[in-house]
Amino acid sequence: MNQARKKLKLSHERVMDLIKLHTNEEIMTKKYYKWTKISNLYSYFAANTSNHYIWAIKKCEVIANSIIEEKKTSL
């Protein structure tokens, strides 16, 4: 497994471990923690997991496509 995948796997495992430390009530209740202000903990977890992964995949696809196009034009 390459370095990027190892780091992604480790980061994901850490976030999942953190999520598991909380109850559903703590995660889903808005203003449960004062520092979340009007939001809930779920929105923070989503922003740092699934939403972030979707963003990263799109960025990777753009980079991969540009590399493919660059190779096509250099032939």
PDB file of N, CA and C in Angstrom:
ATOM      1  N   MET A   1       0.854  -1.178   0.000  1.00  0.00           N
ATOM      2  CA  MET A   1       0.000   0.000   0.000  1.00  0.00           C
ATOM      3  C   MET A   1       0.898   1.237   0.000  1.00  0.00           C
ATOM      4  N   ASN A   2       0.578   2.198  -0.845  1.00  0.00           N
ATOM      5  CA  ASN A   2       1.436   3.378  -0.904  1.00  0.00           C
ATOM      6  C   ASN A   2       1.207   4.307   0.290  1.00  0.00           C
ATOM      7  N   GLN A   3       2.082   5.258   0.438  1.00  0.00           N
ATOM      8  CA  GLN A   3       2.074   6.178   1.588  1.00  0.00           C
ATOM      9  C   GLN A   3       0.752   6.921   1.739  1.00  0.00           C
ATOM     10  N   ALA A   4       0.199   7.419   0.650  1.00  0.00           N
ATOM     11  CA  ALA A   4      -1.052   8.189   0.720  1.00  0.00           C
ATOM     12  C   ALA A   4      -2.195   7.317   1.244  1.00  0.00           C
ATOM     13  N   ARG A   5      -2.274   6.101   0.757  1.00  0.00           N
ATOM     14  CA  ARG A   5      -3.343   5.199   1.215  1.00  0.00           C
ATOM     15  C   ARG A   5      -3.166   4.840   2.684  1.00  0.00           C
ATOM     16  N   LYS A   6      -1.941   4.630   3.100  1.00  0.00           N
ATOM     17  CA  LYS A   6      -1.675   4.322   4.508  1.00  0.00           C
ATOM     18  C   LYS A   6      -2.116   5.475   5.404  1.00  0.00           C
ATOM     19  N   LYS A   7      -1.780   6.690   4.993  1.00  0.00           N
ATOM     20  CA  LYS A   7      -2.166   7.866   5.777  1.00  0.00           C
ATOM     21  C   LYS A   7      -3.674   8.051   5.803  1.00  0.00           C
ATOM     22  N   LEU A   8      -4.328   7.826   4.677  1.00  0.00           N
ATOM     23  CA  LEU A   8      -5.786   7.933   4.619  1.00  0.00           C
ATOM     24  C   LEU A   8      -6.428   6.906   5.548  1.00  0.00           C
ATOM     25  N   LYS A   9      -5.953   5.669   5.484  1.00  0.00           N
ATOM     26  CA  LYS A   9      -6.509   4.601   6.321  1.00  0.00           C
ATOM     27  C   LYS A   9      -6.330   4.927   7.801  1.00  0.00           C
ATOM     28  N   LEU A  10      -5.147   5.379   8.186  1.00  0.00           N
ATOM     29  CA  LEU A  10      -4.880   5.719   9.582  1.00  0.00           C
ATOM     30  C   LEU A  10      -5.757   6.885  10.037  1.00  0.00           C
ATOM     31  N   SER A  11      -5.857   7.911   9.223  1.00  0.00           N
ATOM     32  CA  SER A  11      -6.681   9.074   9.551  1.00  0.00           C
ATOM     33  C   SER A  11      -8.145   8.667   9.709  1.00  0.00           C
ATOM     34  N   HIS A  12      -8.631   7.851   8.789  1.00  0.00           N
ATOM     35  CA  HIS A  12     -10.023   7.395   8.852  1.00  0.00           C
ATOM     36  C   HIS A  12     -10.261   6.580  10.124  1.00  0.00           C
ATOM     37  N   GLU A  13      -9.344   5.703  10.445  1.00  0.00           N
ATOM     38  CA  GLU A  13      -9.488   4.896  11.662  1.00  0.00           C
ATOM     39  C   GLU A  13      -9.531   5.772  12.912  1.00  0.00           C
ATOM     40  N   ARG A  14      -8.709   6.803  12.952  1.00  0.00           N
ATOM     41  CA  ARG A  14      -8.699   7.710  14.104  1.00  0.00           C
ATOM     42  C   ARG A  14     -10.024   8.445  14.248  1.00  0.00           C
ATOM     43  N   VAL A  15     -10.561   8.927  13.131  1.00  0.00           N
ATOM     44  CA  VAL A  15     -11.836   9.638  13.180  1.00  0.00           C
ATOM     45  C   VAL A  15     -12.958   8.686  13.593  1.00  0.00           C
ATOM     46  N   MET A  16     -12.948   7.476  13.059  1.00  0.00           N
ATOM     47  CA  MET A  16     -13.985   6.502  13.419  1.00  0.00           C
ATOM     48  C   MET A  16     -13.898   6.144  14.907  1.00  0.00           C
ATOM     49  N   ASP A  17     -12.693   6.023  15.427  1.00  0.00           N
ATOM     50  CA  ASP A  17     -12.526   5.759  16.862  1.00  0.00           C
ATOM     51  C   ASP A  17     -13.088   6.913  17.689  1.00  0.00           C
ATOM     52  N   LEU A  18     -12.855   8.128  17.227  1.00  0.00           N
ATOM     53  CA  LEU A  18     -13.376   9.313  17.917  1.00  0.00           C
ATOM     54  C   LEU A  18     -14.907   9.331  17.884  1.00  0.00           C
ATOM     55  N   ILE A  19     -15.472   9.015  16.740  1.00  0.00           N
ATOM     56  CA  ILE A  19     -16.925   8.978  16.611  1.00  0.00           C
ATOM     57  C   ILE A  19     -17.522   7.956  17.576  1.00  0.00           C
ATOM     58  N   LYS A  20     -16.889   6.807  17.674  1.00  0.00           N
ATOM     59  CA  LYS A  20     -17.394   5.729  18.532  1.00  0.00           C
ATOM     60  C   LYS A  20     -17.388   6.097  20.013  1.00  0.00           C
ATOM     61  N   LEU A  21     -16.639   7.114  20.386  1.00  0.00           N
ATOM     62  CA  LEU A  21     -16.598   7.554  21.776  1.00  0.00           C
ATOM     63  C   LEU A  21     -17.859   8.316  22.188  1.00  0.00           C
ATOM     64  N   HIS A  22     -18.693   8.680  21.212  1.00  0.00           N
ATOM     65  CA  HIS A  22     -19.870   9.501  21.468  1.00  0.00           C
ATOM     66  C   HIS A  22     -21.154   8.712  21.284  1.00  0.00           C
ATOM     67  N   THR A  23     -22.159   9.094  22.036  1.00  0.00           N
ATOM     68  CA  THR A  23     -23.492   8.493  21.881  1.00  0.00           C
ATOM     69  C   THR A  23     -24.196   9.149  20.694  1.00  0.00           C
ATOM     70  N   ASN A  24     -25.270   8.507  20.235  1.00  0.00           N
ATOM     71  CA  ASN A  24     -26.072   9.102  19.156  1.00  0.00           C
ATOM     72  C   ASN A  24     -26.615  10.460  19.583  1.00  0.00           C
ATOM     73  N   GLU A  25     -27.011  10.553  20.844  1.00  0.00           N
ATOM     74  CA  GLU A  25     -27.536  11.824  21.347  1.00  0.00           C
ATOM     75  C   GLU A  25     -26.473  12.918  21.259  1.00  0.00           C
ATOM     76  N   GLU A  26     -25.260  12.623  21.664  1.00  0.00           N
ATOM     77  CA  GLU A  26     -24.176  13.613  21.610  1.00  0.00           C
ATOM     78  C   GLU A  26     -23.884  14.024  20.176  1.00  0.00           C
ATOM     79  N   ILE A  27     -23.972  13.089  19.272  1.00  0.00           N
ATOM     80  CA  ILE A  27     -23.653  13.356  17.864  1.00  0.00           C
ATOM     81  C   ILE A  27     -24.765  14.131  17.162  1.00  0.00           C
ATOM     82  N   MET A  28     -26.014  13.792  17.431  1.00  0.00           N
ATOM     83  CA  MET A  28     -27.121  14.351  16.661  1.00  0.00           C
ATOM     84  C   MET A  28     -27.792  15.576  17.275  1.00  0.00           C
ATOM     85  N   THR A  29     -27.609  15.820  18.555  1.00  0.00           N
ATOM     86  CA  THR A  29     -28.293  16.942  19.210  1.00  0.00           C
ATOM     87  C   THR A  29     -27.576  18.258  18.933  1.00  0.00           C
ATOM     88  N   LYS A  30     -28.321  19.192  18.354  1.00  0.00           N
ATOM     89  CA  LYS A  30     -27.760  20.520  18.111  1.00  0.00           C
ATOM     90  C   LYS A  30     -27.469  21.188  19.446  1.00  0.00           C
ATOM     91  N   LYS A  31     -26.382  21.917  19.500  1.00  0.00           N
ATOM     92  CA  LYS A  31     -25.946  22.665  20.692  1.00  0.00           C
ATOM     93  C   LYS A  31     -25.606  21.756  21.886  1.00  0.00           C
ATOM     94  N   TYR A  32     -25.439  20.452  21.638  1.00  0.00           N
ATOM     95  CA  TYR A  32     -25.100  19.555  22.745  1.00  0.00           C
ATOM     96  C   TYR A  32     -23.782  20.004  23.375  1.00  0.00           C
ATOM     97  N   TYR A  33     -22.832  20.324  22.511  1.00  0.00           N
ATOM     98  CA  TYR A  33     -21.566  20.890  22.974  1.00  0.00           C
ATOM     99  C   TYR A  33     -21.589  22.387  22.667  1.00  0.00           C
ATOM    100  N   LYS A  34     -21.209  23.176  23.616  1.00  0.00           N
ATOM    101  CA  LYS A  34     -21.253  24.631  23.466  1.00  0.00           C
ATOM    102  C   LYS A  34     -20.448  25.106  22.247  1.00  0.00           C
ATOM    103  N   TRP A  35     -19.303  24.471  22.005  1.00  0.00           N
ATOM    104  CA  TRP A  35     -18.423  24.915  20.920  1.00  0.00           C
ATOM    105  C   TRP A  35     -18.981  24.636  19.524  1.00  0.00           C
ATOM    106  N   THR A  36     -20.036  23.793  19.425  1.00  0.00           N
ATOM    107  CA  THR A  36     -20.645  23.566  18.103  1.00  0.00           C
ATOM    108  C   THR A  36     -21.641  24.660  17.748  1.00  0.00           C
ATOM    109  N   LYS A  37     -21.874  25.560  18.697  1.00  0.00           N
ATOM    110  CA  LYS A  37     -22.800  26.690  18.535  1.00  0.00           C
ATOM    111  C   LYS A  37     -24.181  26.174  18.166  1.00  0.00           C
ATOM    112  N   ILE A  38     -24.704  26.503  16.975  1.00  0.00           N
ATOM    113  CA  ILE A  38     -26.065  26.093  16.620  1.00  0.00           C
ATOM    114  C   ILE A  38     -26.101  24.743  15.904  1.00  0.00           C
ATOM    115  N   SER A  39     -24.954  24.144  15.689  1.00  0.00           N
ATOM    116  CA  SER A  39     -24.868  22.906  14.927  1.00  0.00           C
ATOM    117  C   SER A  39     -24.806  21.684  15.839  1.00  0.00           C
ATOM    118  N   ASN A  40     -24.645  20.524  15.223  1.00  0.00           N
ATOM    119  CA  ASN A  40     -24.443  19.303  15.992  1.00  0.00           C
ATOM    120  C   ASN A  40     -23.078  18.703  15.641  1.00  0.00           C
ATOM    121  N   LEU A  41     -22.667  17.750  16.405  1.00  0.00           N
ATOM    122  CA  LEU A  41     -21.369  17.122  16.194  1.00  0.00           C
ATOM    123  C   LEU A  41     -21.331  16.364  14.870  1.00  0.00           C
ATOM    124  N   TYR A  42     -22.484  15.859  14.457  1.00  0.00           N
ATOM    125  CA  TYR A  42     -22.571  15.147  13.174  1.00  0.00           C
ATOM    126  C   TYR A  42     -22.032  15.988  12.023  1.00  0.00           C
ATOM    127  N   SER A  43     -22.382  17.250  11.988  1.00  0.00           N
ATOM    128  CA  SER A  43     -21.945  18.101  10.877  1.00  0.00           C
ATOM    129  C   SER A  43     -20.427  18.213  10.828  1.00  0.00           C
ATOM    130  N   TYR A  44     -19.782  18.198  11.976  1.00  0.00           N
ATOM    131  CA  TYR A  44     -18.316  18.245  12.016  1.00  0.00           C
ATOM    132  C   TYR A  44     -17.718  16.925  11.543  1.00  0.00           C
ATOM    133  N   PHE A  45     -18.317  15.822  11.983  1.00  0.00           N
ATOM    134  CA  PHE A  45     -17.824  14.521  11.541  1.00  0.00           C
ATOM    135  C   PHE A  45     -18.029  14.334  10.044  1.00  0.00           C
ATOM    136  N   ALA A  46     -19.174  14.741   9.530  1.00  0.00           N
ATOM    137  CA  ALA A  46     -19.448  14.611   8.100  1.00  0.00           C
ATOM    138  C   ALA A  46     -18.475  15.451   7.282  1.00  0.00           C
ATOM    139  N   ALA A  47     -18.202  16.657   7.746  1.00  0.00           N
ATOM    140  CA  ALA A  47     -17.287  17.537   7.026  1.00  0.00           C
ATOM    141  C   ALA A  47     -15.871  16.971   6.973  1.00  0.00           C
ATOM    142  N   ASN A  48     -15.519  16.181   7.956  1.00  0.00           N
ATOM    143  CA  ASN A  48     -14.168  15.637   8.018  1.00  0.00           C
ATOM    144  C   ASN A  48     -14.067  14.172   7.613  1.00  0.00           C
ATOM    145  N   THR A  49     -15.164  13.627   7.119  1.00  0.00           N
ATOM    146  CA  THR A  49     -15.133  12.255   6.617  1.00  0.00           C
ATOM    147  C   THR A  49     -15.747  12.237   5.220  1.00  0.00           C
ATOM    148  N   SER A  50     -16.996  11.847   5.113  1.00  0.00           N
ATOM    149  CA  SER A  50     -17.607  11.632   3.795  1.00  0.00           C
ATOM    150  C   SER A  50     -17.530  12.846   2.872  1.00  0.00           C
ATOM    151  N   ASN A  51     -17.889  14.005   3.352  1.00  0.00           N
ATOM    152  CA  ASN A  51     -17.848  15.207   2.502  1.00  0.00           C
ATOM    153  C   ASN A  51     -16.420  15.507   2.043  1.00  0.00           C
ATOM    154  N   HIS A  52     -15.476  15.315   2.933  1.00  0.00           N
ATOM    155  CA  HIS A  52     -14.073  15.557   2.583  1.00  0.00           C
ATOM    156  C   HIS A  52     -13.584  14.517   1.581  1.00  0.00           C
ATOM    157  N   TYR A  53     -13.993  13.269   1.760  1.00  0.00           N
ATOM    158  CA  TYR A  53     -13.576  12.213   0.835  1.00  0.00           C
ATOM    159  C   TYR A  53     -14.131  12.465  -0.561  1.00  0.00           C
ATOM    160  N   ILE A  54     -15.382  12.904  -0.645  1.00  0.00           N
ATOM    161  CA  ILE A  54     -15.986  13.213  -1.940  1.00  0.00           C
ATOM    162  C   ILE A  54     -15.217  14.341  -2.622  1.00  0.00           C
ATOM    163  N   TRP A  55     -14.881  15.370  -1.873  1.00  0.00           N
ATOM    164  CA  TRP A  55     -14.103  16.489  -2.408  1.00  0.00           C
ATOM    165  C   TRP A  55     -12.735  15.998  -2.908  1.00  0.00           C
ATOM    166  N   ALA A  56     -12.077  15.172  -2.111  1.00  0.00           N
ATOM    167  CA  ALA A  56     -10.745  14.685  -2.473  1.00  0.00           C
ATOM    168  C   ALA A  56     -10.782  13.804  -3.715  1.00  0.00           C
ATOM    169  N   ILE A  57     -11.804  12.962  -3.828  1.00  0.00           N
ATOM    170  CA  ILE A  57     -11.930  12.095  -5.008  1.00  0.00           C
ATOM    171  C   ILE A  57     -12.087  12.944  -6.263  1.00  0.00           C
ATOM    172  N   LYS A  58     -12.909  13.983  -6.188  1.00  0.00           N
ATOM    173  CA  LYS A  58     -13.098  14.863  -7.348  1.00  0.00           C
ATOM    174  C   LYS A  58     -11.794  15.543  -7.733  1.00  0.00           C
ATOM    175  N   LYS A  59     -11.020  15.994  -6.743  1.00  0.00           N
ATOM    176  CA  LYS A  59      -9.731  16.631  -7.020  1.00  0.00           C
ATOM    177  C   LYS A  59      -8.773  15.634  -7.666  1.00  0.00           C
ATOM    178  N   CYS A  60      -8.750  14.409  -7.154  1.00  0.00           N
ATOM    179  CA  CYS A  60      -7.877  13.373  -7.713  1.00  0.00           C
ATOM    180  C   CYS A  60      -8.255  13.051  -9.155  1.00  0.00           C
ATOM    181  N   GLU A  61      -9.558  13.014  -9.434  1.00  0.00           N
ATOM    182  CA  GLU A  61     -10.016  12.750 -10.793  1.00  0.00           C
ATOM    183  C   GLU A  61      -9.576  13.854 -11.746  1.00  0.00           C
ATOM    184  N   VAL A  62      -9.654  15.092 -11.306  1.00  0.00           N
ATOM    185  CA  VAL A  62      -9.208  16.220 -12.139  1.00  0.00           C
ATOM    186  C   VAL A  62      -7.715  16.091 -12.436  1.00  0.00           C
ATOM    187  N   ILE A  63      -6.931  15.787 -11.430  1.00  0.00           N
ATOM    188  CA  ILE A  63      -5.480  15.635 -11.612  1.00  0.00           C
ATOM    189  C   ILE A  63      -5.187  14.470 -12.545  1.00  0.00           C
ATOM    190  N   ALA A  64      -5.854  13.329 -12.333  1.00  0.00           N
ATOM    191  CA  ALA A  64      -5.634  12.152 -13.176  1.00  0.00           C
ATOM    192  C   ALA A  64      -5.995  12.456 -14.632  1.00  0.00           C
ATOM    193  N   ASN A  65      -7.115  13.132 -14.843  1.00  0.00           N
ATOM    194  CA  ASN A  65      -7.529  13.479 -16.205  1.00  0.00           C
ATOM    195  C   ASN A  65      -6.545  14.434 -16.862  1.00  0.00           C
ATOM    196  N   SER A  66      -6.002  15.367 -16.110  1.00  0.00           N
ATOM    197  CA  SER A  66      -5.037  16.298 -16.692  1.00  0.00           C
ATOM    198  C   SER A  66      -3.747  15.570 -17.057  1.00  0.00           C
ATOM    199  N   ILE A  67      -3.347  14.590 -16.279  1.00  0.00           N
ATOM    200  CA  ILE A  67      -2.155  13.799 -16.600  1.00  0.00           C
ATOM    201  C   ILE A  67      -2.394  12.989 -17.874  1.00  0.00           C
ATOM    202  N   ILE A  68      -3.583  12.392 -17.980  1.00  0.00           N
ATOM    203  CA  ILE A  68      -3.927  11.616 -19.180  1.00  0.00           C
ATOM    204  C   ILE A  68      -3.918  12.516 -20.410  1.00  0.00           C
ATOM    205  N   GLU A  69      -4.524  13.695 -20.301  1.00  0.00           N
ATOM    206  CA  GLU A  69      -4.557  14.633 -21.427  1.00  0.00           C
ATOM    207  C   GLU A  69      -3.158  15.106 -21.801  1.00  0.00           C
ATOM    208  N   GLU A  70      -2.332  15.345 -20.805  1.00  0.00           N
ATOM    209  CA  GLU A  70      -0.957  15.777 -21.052  1.00  0.00           C
ATOM    210  C   GLU A  70      -0.184  14.699 -21.812  1.00  0.00           C
ATOM    211  N   LYS A  71      -0.393  13.450 -21.428  1.00  0.00           N
ATOM    212  CA  LYS A  71       0.282  12.340 -22.119  1.00  0.00           C
ATOM    213  C   LYS A  71      -0.196  12.217 -23.548  1.00  0.00           C
ATOM    214  N   LYS A  72      -1.495  12.418 -23.781  1.00  0.00           N
ATOM    215  CA  LYS A  72      -2.060  12.347 -25.138  1.00  0.00           C
ATOM    216  C   LYS A  72      -1.461  13.413 -26.043  1.00  0.00           C
ATOM    217  N   THR A  73      -1.312  14.617 -25.520  1.00  0.00           N
ATOM    218  CA  THR A  73      -0.806  15.716 -26.339  1.00  0.00           C
ATOM    219  C   THR A  73       0.693  15.621 -26.570  1.00  0.00           C
ATOM    220  N   SER A  74       1.405  14.882 -25.737  1.00  0.00           N
ATOM    221  CA  SER A  74       2.859  14.778 -25.914  1.00  0.00           C
ATOM    222  C   SER A  74       3.232  13.666 -26.890  1.00  0.00           C
ATOM    223  N   LEU A  75       2.263  12.878 -27.317  1.00  0.00           N
ATOM    224  CA  LEU A  75       2.544  11.775 -28.270  1.00  0.00           C
ATOM    225  C   LEU A  75       2.628  12.236 -29.660  1.00  0.00           C
TER     226      LEU A  75
END
